[in-house]
């Protein structure tokens, strides 16, 4: 392996530390792994040996390569043993005081040219470096778990980080086969910063009573589709997997570090559930209950049986044609009249509005109106889930008629309580909004933002490409309407999005 680093030290032998050590040992670099807990260090060495053996069993690497990688990994029982390392990566507890104390202890041990890198996910690299004699050699080097498999690494430039240190880490990352993304030192860097739109907005919808946990997860797993690809897990499933004891502090930290920026405002729901110890799979109970590691999700209610379906009138609008075609394909009778007749079911397809606003703005009969989320295809054979939303005044027989109609071909239907932006619209719009703000602040290049988020979070597209797929003007309309209906500044669109929507440019377009 051709690298400017000949010997790497790793401090901290938890999941991240051992993964980082394995990656570099496999890549041909001598690695010294240290942990203040000897038992944890021994366990980490055994874990890496087991991981290498499994790779041999699966035919991913040869036995000789595994043995060589293991031989390059040396456990050491003191920080002093890291002398001679030209790069030391800390992967210890996510506490500012602990990281600053560690780096202060390392500085007299390593040479002046050695780089000190922090694997922090949410703390300021600049603040960590400020306690060092040579802050210019301190950089962020943020890996994702599991390190050998997650192929993106954030290389973070602190306020005083030397450019040569950044470039050396970029070269090292590429030599391992991983992809480096260079980011400025801002809360959450790129990936954890961009990730605020998914779980935080889902918690907001939950807190408003728009739907329950399982319904929100099902919508974001099954309704959202970009070329057949969607989210692999719903936001609450993901928080249960990660652990609320991990995700809630990150939400709160990023919110506070951005001086209470409304886009990142956490939910009291998360704080309460964390206080109750409902942290997810690791405790057996989170947003879901778990039995033998298996999620116990509530059963979805069956579609209602409706003896006689009323005729359907579709309100005019950009998505009216799509809605009419879907209704006809589902054997509904579509009225082609300027106004709905006395007993017609009225369907609207708003962007960012609630059903009430969509009905009242055009003087439609709210007691017979149901909103349909037409952001994604609705026709039979083109979708896995459809999402409907009555007004508070919608009569039960019309709500049930709409539900039965859109479930006619066996596709699942989610019925929400009236709220602005359905679920998918508001969550996706916030993902795009935050992604465009990262681009606007020049935290990273647009291409790097999309690559880092797509790989680091497993999204079907990066946030900027996702906005392009929906249409920047569509995203802008959703956010403008969410902002107007709710009055919440979290939904205010930023300049990067607004300008590109107005000019017809891609959100990936740099200036």
Protein backbone atom coordinates (compact mmCIF):
# COMPACT_ATOMS: atom_id res chain seq x y z
CA UNK A 1 0.00 0.00 0.00
CA UNK A 2 1.44 3.35 -1.07
CA UNK A 3 0.70 5.84 1.71
CA UNK A 4 2.34 8.77 3.45
CA UNK A 5 1.63 7.01 6.76
CA UNK A 6 3.86 4.08 7.71
CA UNK A 7 2.45 3.24 11.15
CA UNK A 8 -1.02 4.09 12.44
CA UNK A 9 -2.10 4.17 16.06
CA UNK A 10 -5.74 3.69 17.04
CA UNK A 11 -6.96 4.58 20.54
CA UNK A 12 -10.22 2.97 21.60
CA UNK A 13 -11.09 -0.63 20.82
CA UNK A 14 -14.87 -0.46 20.62
CA UNK A 15 -16.80 -1.19 17.42
CA UNK A 16 -15.36 1.83 15.63
CA UNK A 17 -11.77 1.49 16.84
CA UNK A 18 -11.47 -2.19 16.02
CA UNK A 19 -13.11 -1.61 12.63
CA UNK A 20 -10.65 1.17 11.79
CA UNK A 21 -7.73 -1.01 12.92
CA UNK A 22 -8.95 -3.91 10.77
CA UNK A 23 -9.38 -1.69 7.70
CA UNK A 24 -5.81 -0.40 7.81
CA UNK A 25 -4.26 -3.73 8.75
CA UNK A 26 -6.02 -5.30 5.75
CA UNK A 27 -4.77 -2.43 3.60
CA UNK A 28 -1.13 -3.16 4.40
CA UNK A 29 -0.35 -0.62 7.13
CA UNK A 30 1.14 -1.51 10.52
CA UNK A 31 -1.40 -0.67 13.22
CA UNK A 32 -1.00 -0.32 16.97
CA UNK A 33 -4.28 -0.58 18.86
CA UNK A 34 -4.58 0.76 22.41
CA UNK A 35 -7.34 0.75 24.99
CA UNK A 36 -7.16 1.72 28.66
CA UNK A 37 -9.19 -1.42 29.41
CA UNK A 38 -6.99 -4.53 28.82
CA UNK A 39 -9.99 -6.87 28.62
CA UNK A 40 -11.63 -4.69 25.96
CA UNK A 41 -8.38 -4.61 23.99
CA UNK A 42 -8.03 -8.40 24.08
CA UNK A 43 -11.65 -8.78 23.00
CA UNK A 44 -11.07 -6.38 20.09
CA UNK A 45 -8.05 -8.31 18.83
CA UNK A 46 -10.06 -11.56 18.96
CA UNK A 47 -12.94 -9.86 17.17
CA UNK A 48 -10.70 -8.68 14.32
CA UNK A 49 -9.19 -12.18 14.02
CA UNK A 50 -12.69 -13.65 13.83
CA UNK A 51 -13.74 -11.09 11.19
CA UNK A 52 -10.69 -11.97 9.07
CA UNK A 53 -11.43 -15.70 9.43
CA UNK A 54 -15.00 -15.14 8.23
CA UNK A 55 -13.70 -13.27 5.19
CA UNK A 56 -11.49 -16.28 4.40
CA UNK A 57 -14.46 -18.65 4.80
CA UNK A 58 -16.52 -16.53 2.39
CA UNK A 59 -13.69 -16.45 -0.14
CA UNK A 60 -13.30 -12.68 0.13
CA UNK A 61 -9.58 -12.86 1.00
CA UNK A 62 -6.98 -15.61 1.06
CA UNK A 63 -5.68 -17.24 4.23
CA UNK A 64 -2.22 -15.73 3.69
CA UNK A 65 -3.69 -12.22 3.36
CA UNK A 66 -5.70 -12.71 6.55
CA UNK A 67 -2.62 -13.90 8.44
CA UNK A 68 -0.60 -10.95 7.18
CA UNK A 69 -3.32 -8.50 8.21
CA UNK A 70 -3.51 -10.02 11.67
CA UNK A 71 0.29 -9.82 11.98
CA UNK A 72 0.19 -6.10 11.16
CA UNK A 73 -2.18 -5.46 14.09
CA UNK A 74 -0.32 -5.02 17.39
CA UNK A 75 -2.11 -4.49 20.73
CA UNK A 76 -0.27 -2.05 23.00
CA UNK A 77 -0.92 -1.39 26.68
CA UNK A 78 0.12 2.26 26.92
CA UNK A 79 -0.08 5.52 25.02
CA UNK A 80 3.72 5.67 25.15
CA UNK A 81 3.80 2.64 22.86
CA UNK A 82 2.30 4.83 20.12
CA UNK A 83 5.61 6.68 19.76
CA UNK A 84 6.73 6.30 16.17
CA UNK A 85 3.18 6.39 14.77
CA UNK A 86 2.80 9.10 12.16
CA UNK A 87 -1.00 9.02 12.44
CA UNK A 88 -3.05 8.41 15.59
CA UNK A 89 -6.83 8.09 15.32
CA UNK A 90 -8.93 8.38 18.45
CA UNK A 91 -12.18 6.42 18.65
CA UNK A 92 -12.98 6.85 22.34
CA UNK A 93 -16.10 8.03 24.18
CA UNK A 94 -17.92 10.95 22.54
CA UNK A 95 -16.95 13.49 25.19
CA UNK A 96 -15.07 16.69 24.46
CA UNK A 97 -13.07 16.66 27.70
CA UNK A 98 -11.93 13.06 27.16
CA UNK A 99 -10.80 13.69 23.58
CA UNK A 100 -8.91 16.88 24.48
CA UNK A 101 -7.20 15.14 27.38
CA UNK A 102 -6.17 12.25 25.13
CA UNK A 103 -4.68 14.52 22.44
CA UNK A 104 -2.83 16.57 25.06
CA UNK A 105 -1.32 13.32 26.31
CA UNK A 106 -0.38 12.16 22.82
CA UNK A 107 1.38 15.35 21.68
CA UNK A 108 4.62 14.79 23.67
CA UNK A 109 4.71 11.13 22.56
CA UNK A 110 4.40 11.40 18.78
CA UNK A 111 6.59 13.38 16.41
CA UNK A 112 5.79 16.94 15.38
CA UNK A 113 4.84 15.77 11.89
CA UNK A 114 2.36 13.17 13.12
CA UNK A 115 -1.31 13.77 12.37
CA UNK A 116 -3.86 13.44 15.18
CA UNK A 117 -7.30 12.50 13.90
CA UNK A 118 -10.60 12.33 15.75
CA UNK A 119 -13.39 9.96 14.74
CA UNK A 120 -15.96 12.20 16.41
CA UNK A 121 -19.38 12.21 14.77
CA UNK A 122 -20.82 15.36 16.31
CA UNK A 123 -18.21 17.30 18.30
CA UNK A 124 -16.27 20.27 16.92
CA UNK A 125 -12.87 19.33 15.49
CA UNK A 126 -11.77 22.93 16.02
CA UNK A 127 -12.65 22.80 19.71
CA UNK A 128 -10.88 19.46 20.17
CA UNK A 129 -7.78 20.85 18.44
CA UNK A 130 -7.82 24.07 20.47
CA UNK A 131 -6.38 22.21 23.46
CA UNK A 132 -3.33 21.07 21.47
CA UNK A 133 0.10 22.68 21.17
CA UNK A 134 -0.02 22.09 17.40
CA UNK A 135 -3.72 22.39 16.43
CA UNK A 136 -2.80 22.49 12.74
CA UNK A 137 -2.09 18.76 12.77
CA UNK A 138 -5.56 17.85 14.14
CA UNK A 139 -8.29 16.81 11.69
CA UNK A 140 -11.59 14.99 11.78
CA UNK A 141 -11.57 11.49 10.31
CA UNK A 142 -15.11 10.19 10.64
CA UNK A 143 -15.78 6.57 9.70
CA UNK A 144 -19.14 4.81 9.66
CA UNK A 145 -20.05 1.50 11.24
CA UNK A 146 -19.22 -1.19 10.18
CA UNK A 147 -15.98 0.44 9.07
CA UNK A 148 -14.74 -2.20 6.57
CA UNK A 149 -18.10 -2.19 4.73
CA UNK A 150 -19.15 1.47 4.86
CA UNK A 151 -17.12 2.90 2.03
CA UNK A 152 -17.32 6.61 2.79
CA UNK A 153 -15.13 8.59 5.21
CA UNK A 154 -15.50 12.26 6.17
CA UNK A 155 -12.19 14.11 6.30
CA UNK A 156 -12.95 17.22 8.33
CA UNK A 157 -10.97 20.43 8.14
CA UNK A 158 -10.92 22.32 11.45
CA UNK A 159 -10.40 26.08 11.57
CA UNK A 160 -6.62 25.65 11.97
CA UNK A 161 -6.08 22.29 10.26
CA UNK A 162 -3.15 22.30 7.87
CA UNK A 163 -4.09 21.49 4.28
CA UNK A 164 -1.29 18.93 4.06
CA UNK A 165 -2.85 16.94 6.92
CA UNK A 166 -6.17 16.91 5.07
CA UNK A 167 -4.58 15.75 1.81
CA UNK A 168 -2.61 13.00 3.55
CA UNK A 169 -5.83 11.64 5.05
CA UNK A 170 -7.56 11.87 1.66
CA UNK A 171 -4.73 9.87 0.04
CA UNK A 172 -4.79 7.28 2.84
CA UNK A 173 -8.55 6.84 2.51
CA UNK A 174 -8.36 6.30 -1.24
CA UNK A 175 -5.59 3.74 -0.75
CA UNK A 176 -7.95 1.63 1.40
CA UNK A 177 -10.61 1.63 -1.33
CA UNK A 178 -12.86 3.92 0.68
CA UNK A 179 -14.17 7.24 -0.61
CA UNK A 180 -12.99 10.44 1.13
CA UNK A 181 -15.40 13.38 1.43
CA UNK A 182 -13.75 16.62 2.55
CA UNK A 183 -15.96 18.72 4.82
CA UNK A 184 -15.69 21.91 6.80
CA UNK A 185 -15.95 21.68 10.57
CA UNK A 186 -19.64 22.27 11.22
CA UNK A 187 -22.00 20.40 13.57
CA UNK A 188 -22.66 16.92 12.18
CA UNK A 189 -20.24 17.53 9.27
CA UNK A 190 -22.10 16.25 6.18
CA UNK A 191 -23.79 12.93 6.92
CA UNK A 192 -25.11 13.45 10.45
CA UNK A 193 -26.01 17.02 9.50
CA UNK A 194 -27.98 15.88 6.45
CA UNK A 195 -29.58 13.03 8.40
CA UNK A 196 -31.60 15.45 10.54
CA UNK A 197 -34.37 15.60 7.92
CA UNK A 198 -35.40 11.92 8.16
CA UNK A 199 -35.88 11.03 11.81
CA UNK A 200 -36.45 14.54 13.16
CA UNK A 201 -39.26 15.33 10.72
CA UNK A 202 -40.82 11.89 11.27
CA UNK A 203 -40.85 12.65 15.00
CA UNK A 204 -42.50 16.00 14.22
CA UNK A 205 -45.27 14.25 12.27
CA UNK A 206 -45.69 11.74 15.10
CA UNK A 207 -45.85 14.55 17.65
CA UNK A 208 -48.61 16.26 15.65
CA UNK A 209 -50.66 13.06 15.69
CA UNK A 210 -50.60 12.75 11.90
CA UNK A 211 -50.08 8.98 12.15
CA UNK A 212 -48.65 6.32 14.43
CA UNK A 213 -45.11 4.95 14.37
CA UNK A 214 -45.82 1.91 12.19
CA UNK A 215 -47.81 3.93 9.63
CA UNK A 216 -45.05 6.53 9.23
CA UNK A 217 -42.44 3.78 8.80
CA UNK A 218 -44.59 1.92 6.26
CA UNK A 219 -45.13 5.07 4.20
CA UNK A 220 -41.44 5.94 4.02
CA UNK A 221 -40.47 2.34 3.22
CA UNK A 222 -43.18 1.59 0.70
CA UNK A 223 -44.63 4.76 -0.84
CA UNK A 224 -41.29 6.44 -1.54
CA UNK A 225 -39.68 5.07 -4.70
CA UNK A 226 -36.96 6.45 -6.94
CA UNK A 227 -36.41 4.06 -9.83
CA UNK A 228 -37.70 1.25 -7.64
CA UNK A 229 -35.42 2.19 -4.73
CA UNK A 230 -36.70 3.56 -1.43
CA UNK A 231 -35.67 3.71 2.21
CA UNK A 232 -34.63 0.30 3.54
CA UNK A 233 -35.87 1.12 7.04
CA UNK A 234 -38.44 3.55 8.33
CA UNK A 235 -37.16 6.31 10.64
CA UNK A 236 -38.41 4.67 13.84
CA UNK A 237 -37.04 1.28 12.83
CA UNK A 238 -33.71 3.00 12.18
CA UNK A 239 -33.72 4.77 15.56
CA UNK A 240 -34.48 1.44 17.25
CA UNK A 241 -31.58 -0.17 15.39
CA UNK A 242 -29.12 2.64 16.15
CA UNK A 243 -30.42 3.10 19.68
CA UNK A 244 -32.20 6.18 20.95
CA UNK A 245 -29.36 6.60 23.46
CA UNK A 246 -27.19 7.34 20.40
CA UNK A 247 -29.56 9.23 18.10
CA UNK A 248 -31.32 11.52 20.60
CA UNK A 249 -28.10 13.07 21.98
CA UNK A 250 -26.89 13.66 18.40
CA UNK A 251 -30.20 15.39 17.55
CA UNK A 252 -29.91 17.59 20.63
CA UNK A 253 -26.19 18.30 20.11
CA UNK A 254 -26.57 19.41 16.49
CA UNK A 255 -29.60 21.55 17.35
CA UNK A 256 -27.75 23.34 20.16
CA UNK A 257 -24.50 23.71 18.20
CA UNK A 258 -26.46 25.49 15.45
CA UNK A 259 -27.85 27.88 18.11
CA UNK A 260 -31.33 26.35 18.05
CA UNK A 261 -31.80 26.39 14.28
CA UNK A 262 -35.49 25.37 13.82
CA UNK A 263 -34.69 22.93 10.99
CA UNK A 264 -32.95 20.68 13.53
CA UNK A 265 -35.35 21.03 16.46
CA UNK A 266 -35.62 17.66 18.25
CA UNK A 267 -38.84 16.22 19.63
CA UNK A 268 -39.84 15.90 23.26
CA UNK A 269 -41.00 12.39 22.32
CA UNK A 270 -37.41 11.26 21.84
CA UNK A 271 -36.27 12.85 25.10
CA UNK A 272 -39.08 11.23 27.08
CA UNK A 273 -38.53 7.80 25.59
CA UNK A 274 -34.80 8.02 26.24
CA UNK A 275 -35.49 8.97 29.88
CA UNK A 276 -37.74 5.91 30.13
CA UNK A 277 -34.99 3.63 28.82
CA UNK A 278 -36.92 2.76 25.64
CA UNK A 279 -33.81 2.81 23.51
CA UNK A 280 -34.60 0.14 20.90
CA UNK A 281 -33.49 -3.35 19.98
CA UNK A 282 -30.70 -3.47 22.56
CA UNK A 283 -33.22 -3.22 25.41
CA UNK A 284 -36.03 -5.17 23.75
CA UNK A 285 -38.32 -2.14 23.60
CA UNK A 286 -38.10 1.07 21.64
CA UNK A 287 -40.64 2.51 19.27
CA UNK A 288 -41.44 -1.16 18.70
CA UNK A 289 -41.37 -4.15 21.02
CA UNK A 290 -38.95 -6.98 20.17
CA UNK A 291 -39.15 -10.68 20.89
CA UNK A 292 -36.02 -12.79 20.31
CA UNK A 293 -34.69 -9.91 18.20
CA UNK A 294 -37.82 -9.89 16.02
CA UNK A 295 -39.79 -6.68 15.64
CA UNK A 296 -43.42 -6.90 16.79
CA UNK A 297 -45.22 -4.44 14.53
CA UNK A 298 -48.98 -3.88 14.87
CA UNK A 299 -51.12 -5.43 12.18
CA UNK A 300 -52.36 -3.04 9.53
CA UNK A 301 -56.15 -2.58 9.51
CA UNK A 302 -58.03 -4.04 6.56
CA UNK A 303 -59.68 -1.79 4.00
CA UNK A 304 -63.35 -1.08 4.78
CA UNK A 305 -66.08 -2.76 2.79
CA UNK A 306 -68.27 -0.28 0.93
CA UNK A 307 -71.46 -1.50 -0.73
CA UNK A 308 -71.99 1.45 -3.09
CA UNK A 309 -69.18 3.80 -4.04
CA UNK A 310 -70.03 7.40 -4.83
CA UNK A 311 -68.89 9.06 -8.05
CA UNK A 312 -65.55 10.84 -7.83
CA UNK A 313 -64.77 14.45 -8.65
CA UNK A 314 -61.10 15.43 -8.86
CA UNK A 315 -60.16 19.02 -8.07
CA UNK A 316 -58.09 20.85 -10.72
CA UNK A 317 -54.36 21.06 -10.18
CA UNK A 318 -50.97 19.93 -11.51
CA UNK A 319 -51.56 16.33 -10.41
CA UNK A 320 -55.26 16.11 -11.28
CA UNK A 321 -54.63 14.10 -14.46
CA UNK A 322 -52.57 11.48 -12.60
CA UNK A 323 -55.28 11.23 -9.96
CA UNK A 324 -58.09 10.86 -12.51
CA UNK A 325 -56.23 8.12 -14.36
CA UNK A 326 -55.63 6.20 -11.13
CA UNK A 327 -59.28 6.47 -10.09
CA UNK A 328 -60.46 5.21 -13.49
CA UNK A 329 -57.97 2.32 -13.41
CA UNK A 330 -59.31 1.38 -9.96
CA UNK A 331 -62.85 1.19 -11.36
CA UNK A 332 -64.02 4.49 -9.95
CA UNK A 333 -66.53 6.65 -11.80
CA UNK A 334 -64.93 10.02 -12.54
CA UNK A 335 -67.18 13.04 -12.95
CA UNK A 336 -66.19 15.38 -15.77
CA UNK A 337 -68.01 18.47 -14.53
CA UNK A 338 -66.86 21.97 -13.57
CA UNK A 339 -67.98 21.41 -9.97
CA UNK A 340 -68.69 18.31 -7.85
CA UNK A 341 -72.27 17.10 -7.78
CA UNK A 342 -74.17 16.84 -4.51
CA UNK A 343 -73.08 13.33 -3.50
CA UNK A 344 -69.64 13.06 -5.15
CA UNK A 345 -66.49 12.11 -3.31
CA UNK A 346 -64.12 15.06 -3.78
CA UNK A 347 -60.42 14.29 -4.18
CA UNK A 348 -57.60 16.83 -3.95
CA UNK A 349 -53.85 16.31 -4.46
CA UNK A 350 -52.12 19.10 -2.53
CA UNK A 351 -48.40 19.77 -2.11
CA UNK A 352 -47.42 20.82 1.40
CA UNK A 353 -50.97 21.74 2.40
CA UNK A 354 -53.31 19.90 4.73
CA UNK A 355 -56.64 18.61 3.43
CA UNK A 356 -58.50 21.44 5.16
CA UNK A 357 -56.48 24.16 3.41
CA UNK A 358 -56.76 22.36 0.07
CA UNK A 359 -60.54 22.13 0.42
CA UNK A 360 -61.25 25.62 1.73
CA UNK A 361 -58.99 27.50 -0.70
CA UNK A 362 -61.29 26.45 -3.57
CA UNK A 363 -64.54 26.39 -1.58
CA UNK A 364 -64.90 22.59 -1.81
CA UNK A 365 -67.28 20.66 0.49
CA UNK A 366 -64.94 19.62 3.34
CA UNK A 367 -67.39 16.98 4.56
CA UNK A 368 -66.86 15.04 1.30
CA UNK A 369 -63.20 15.86 0.64
CA UNK A 370 -60.23 13.51 0.94
CA UNK A 371 -56.66 14.46 0.03
CA UNK A 372 -54.43 12.02 -1.87
CA UNK A 373 -50.64 12.15 -1.89
CA UNK A 374 -49.79 12.09 -5.58
CA UNK A 375 -46.08 12.81 -5.20
CA UNK A 376 -45.36 9.26 -6.44
CA UNK A 377 -47.23 7.13 -9.02
CA UNK A 378 -50.67 5.91 -7.99
CA UNK A 379 -51.73 3.65 -10.86
CA UNK A 380 -52.11 -0.12 -10.39
CA UNK A 381 -48.81 -1.92 -10.80
CA UNK A 382 -46.81 1.25 -10.16
CA UNK A 383 -46.96 1.57 -6.38
CA UNK A 384 -46.79 -0.42 -3.15
CA UNK A 385 -48.73 2.00 -0.97
CA UNK A 386 -51.14 4.90 -1.35
CA UNK A 387 -51.67 7.61 1.25
CA UNK A 388 -54.93 9.45 1.94
CA UNK A 389 -55.91 12.23 4.35
CA UNK A 390 -59.45 13.40 5.17
CA UNK A 391 -60.32 16.76 6.72
CA UNK A 392 -61.64 16.79 10.30
CA UNK A 393 -65.07 17.42 8.76
CA UNK A 394 -64.97 14.54 6.25
CA UNK A 395 -67.87 12.17 6.87
CA UNK A 396 -66.96 8.56 7.65
CA UNK A 397 -68.78 7.15 4.61
CA UNK A 398 -66.72 9.30 2.24
CA UNK A 399 -63.47 8.53 4.05
CA UNK A 400 -64.27 4.80 3.83
CA UNK A 401 -65.28 5.10 0.19
CA UNK A 402 -61.93 6.70 -0.68
CA UNK A 403 -60.07 4.03 1.29
CA UNK A 404 -61.93 1.19 -0.44
CA UNK A 405 -61.42 2.75 -3.88
CA UNK A 406 -57.65 3.11 -3.52
CA UNK A 407 -57.34 -0.38 -2.04
CA UNK A 408 -59.32 -1.92 -4.93
CA UNK A 409 -56.26 -3.62 -6.45
CA UNK A 410 -54.93 -4.91 -3.13
CA UNK A 411 -52.35 -2.14 -2.64
CA UNK A 412 -51.99 -1.03 0.98
CA UNK A 413 -53.58 2.29 1.93
CA UNK A 414 -52.50 4.51 4.84
CA UNK A 415 -55.09 6.91 6.20
CA UNK A 416 -53.60 9.93 7.98
CA UNK A 417 -55.13 12.53 10.22
CA UNK A 418 -55.20 15.96 8.63
CA UNK A 419 -51.76 17.56 8.70
CA UNK A 420 -49.69 19.63 6.27
CA UNK A 421 -47.53 17.78 3.77
CA UNK A 422 -48.76 14.22 4.41
CA UNK A 423 -45.69 12.19 5.58
CA UNK A 424 -43.51 11.52 2.54
CA UNK A 425 -43.78 15.08 1.21
CA UNK A 426 -42.68 16.76 4.42
CA UNK A 427 -39.89 14.30 5.22
CA UNK A 428 -38.44 14.32 1.70
CA UNK A 429 -38.73 18.09 1.43
CA UNK A 430 -36.80 18.49 4.69
CA UNK A 431 -34.09 16.09 3.53
CA UNK A 432 -33.68 18.19 0.38
CA UNK A 433 -33.91 21.47 2.28
CA UNK A 434 -31.13 20.56 4.71
CA UNK A 435 -28.99 19.16 1.87
CA UNK A 436 -29.28 22.43 -0.04
CA UNK A 437 -28.33 24.40 3.07
CA UNK A 438 -25.18 22.27 3.43
CA UNK A 439 -24.35 23.16 -0.18
CA UNK A 440 -25.19 26.84 0.38
CA UNK A 441 -22.82 26.98 3.36
CA UNK A 442 -20.05 25.36 1.27
CA UNK A 443 -19.53 22.69 3.91
CA UNK A 444 -18.76 20.25 1.07
CA UNK A 445 -19.18 20.15 -2.69
CA UNK A 446 -22.65 19.24 -4.02
CA UNK A 447 -21.34 15.99 -5.49
CA UNK A 448 -19.62 15.04 -2.22
CA UNK A 449 -22.75 15.86 -0.22
CA UNK A 450 -24.82 13.47 -2.31
CA UNK A 451 -22.20 10.71 -2.31
CA UNK A 452 -21.62 10.91 1.44
CA UNK A 453 -25.32 10.85 2.31
CA UNK A 454 -26.23 8.13 -0.17
CA UNK A 455 -23.49 5.81 1.08
CA UNK A 456 -23.37 6.90 4.71
CA UNK A 457 -27.12 6.80 5.31
CA UNK A 458 -28.19 4.29 2.68
CA UNK A 459 -30.66 6.69 1.03
CA UNK A 460 -31.86 5.79 -2.50
CA UNK A 461 -30.40 9.11 -3.72
CA UNK A 462 -28.37 11.91 -2.19
CA UNK A 463 -30.46 14.88 -1.03
CA UNK A 464 -29.67 17.07 -4.04
CA UNK A 465 -30.32 14.34 -6.61
CA UNK A 466 -33.46 13.45 -4.67
CA UNK A 467 -34.62 17.06 -5.03
CA UNK A 468 -33.86 16.96 -8.74
CA UNK A 469 -35.90 13.75 -9.09
CA UNK A 470 -38.92 15.34 -7.39
CA UNK A 471 -38.30 18.66 -9.15
CA UNK A 472 -36.80 21.66 -7.35
CA UNK A 473 -39.97 23.69 -8.03
CA UNK A 474 -42.08 20.91 -6.46
CA UNK A 475 -39.90 20.79 -3.35
CA UNK A 476 -40.03 24.59 -3.12
CA UNK A 477 -43.84 24.53 -3.31
CA UNK A 478 -44.06 21.86 -0.59
CA UNK A 479 -41.81 23.87 1.74
CA UNK A 480 -43.50 27.19 1.01
CA UNK A 481 -46.91 25.68 1.77
CA UNK A 482 -45.69 23.87 4.88
CA UNK A 483 -44.21 27.15 6.09
CA UNK A 484 -47.41 29.08 5.34
CA UNK A 485 -49.83 26.57 6.90
CA UNK A 486 -47.78 25.72 9.98
CA UNK A 487 -46.02 29.03 10.58
CA UNK A 488 -42.97 27.01 11.63
CA UNK A 489 -39.66 28.51 10.43
CA UNK A 490 -38.17 25.01 10.13
CA UNK A 491 -39.84 24.81 6.71
CA UNK A 492 -38.54 28.09 5.27
CA UNK A 493 -36.79 27.37 1.95
CA UNK A 494 -33.17 28.46 1.59
CA UNK A 495 -31.55 30.45 -1.20
CA UNK A 496 -29.80 27.52 -2.90
CA UNK A 497 -33.12 25.75 -3.48
CA UNK A 498 -35.16 28.84 -4.34
CA UNK A 499 -32.70 30.21 -6.90
CA UNK A 500 -32.27 26.90 -8.71
CA UNK A 501 -36.01 26.29 -8.74
CA UNK A 502 -36.58 29.75 -10.22
CA UNK A 503 -33.82 29.34 -12.83
CA UNK A 504 -34.67 25.73 -13.76
CA UNK A 505 -31.24 24.51 -12.66
CA UNK A 506 -30.22 21.24 -11.05
CA UNK A 507 -29.67 21.35 -7.29
CA UNK A 508 -26.23 19.90 -8.01
CA UNK A 509 -25.34 22.99 -10.06
CA UNK A 510 -22.41 24.84 -8.45
CA UNK A 511 -21.82 28.56 -8.54
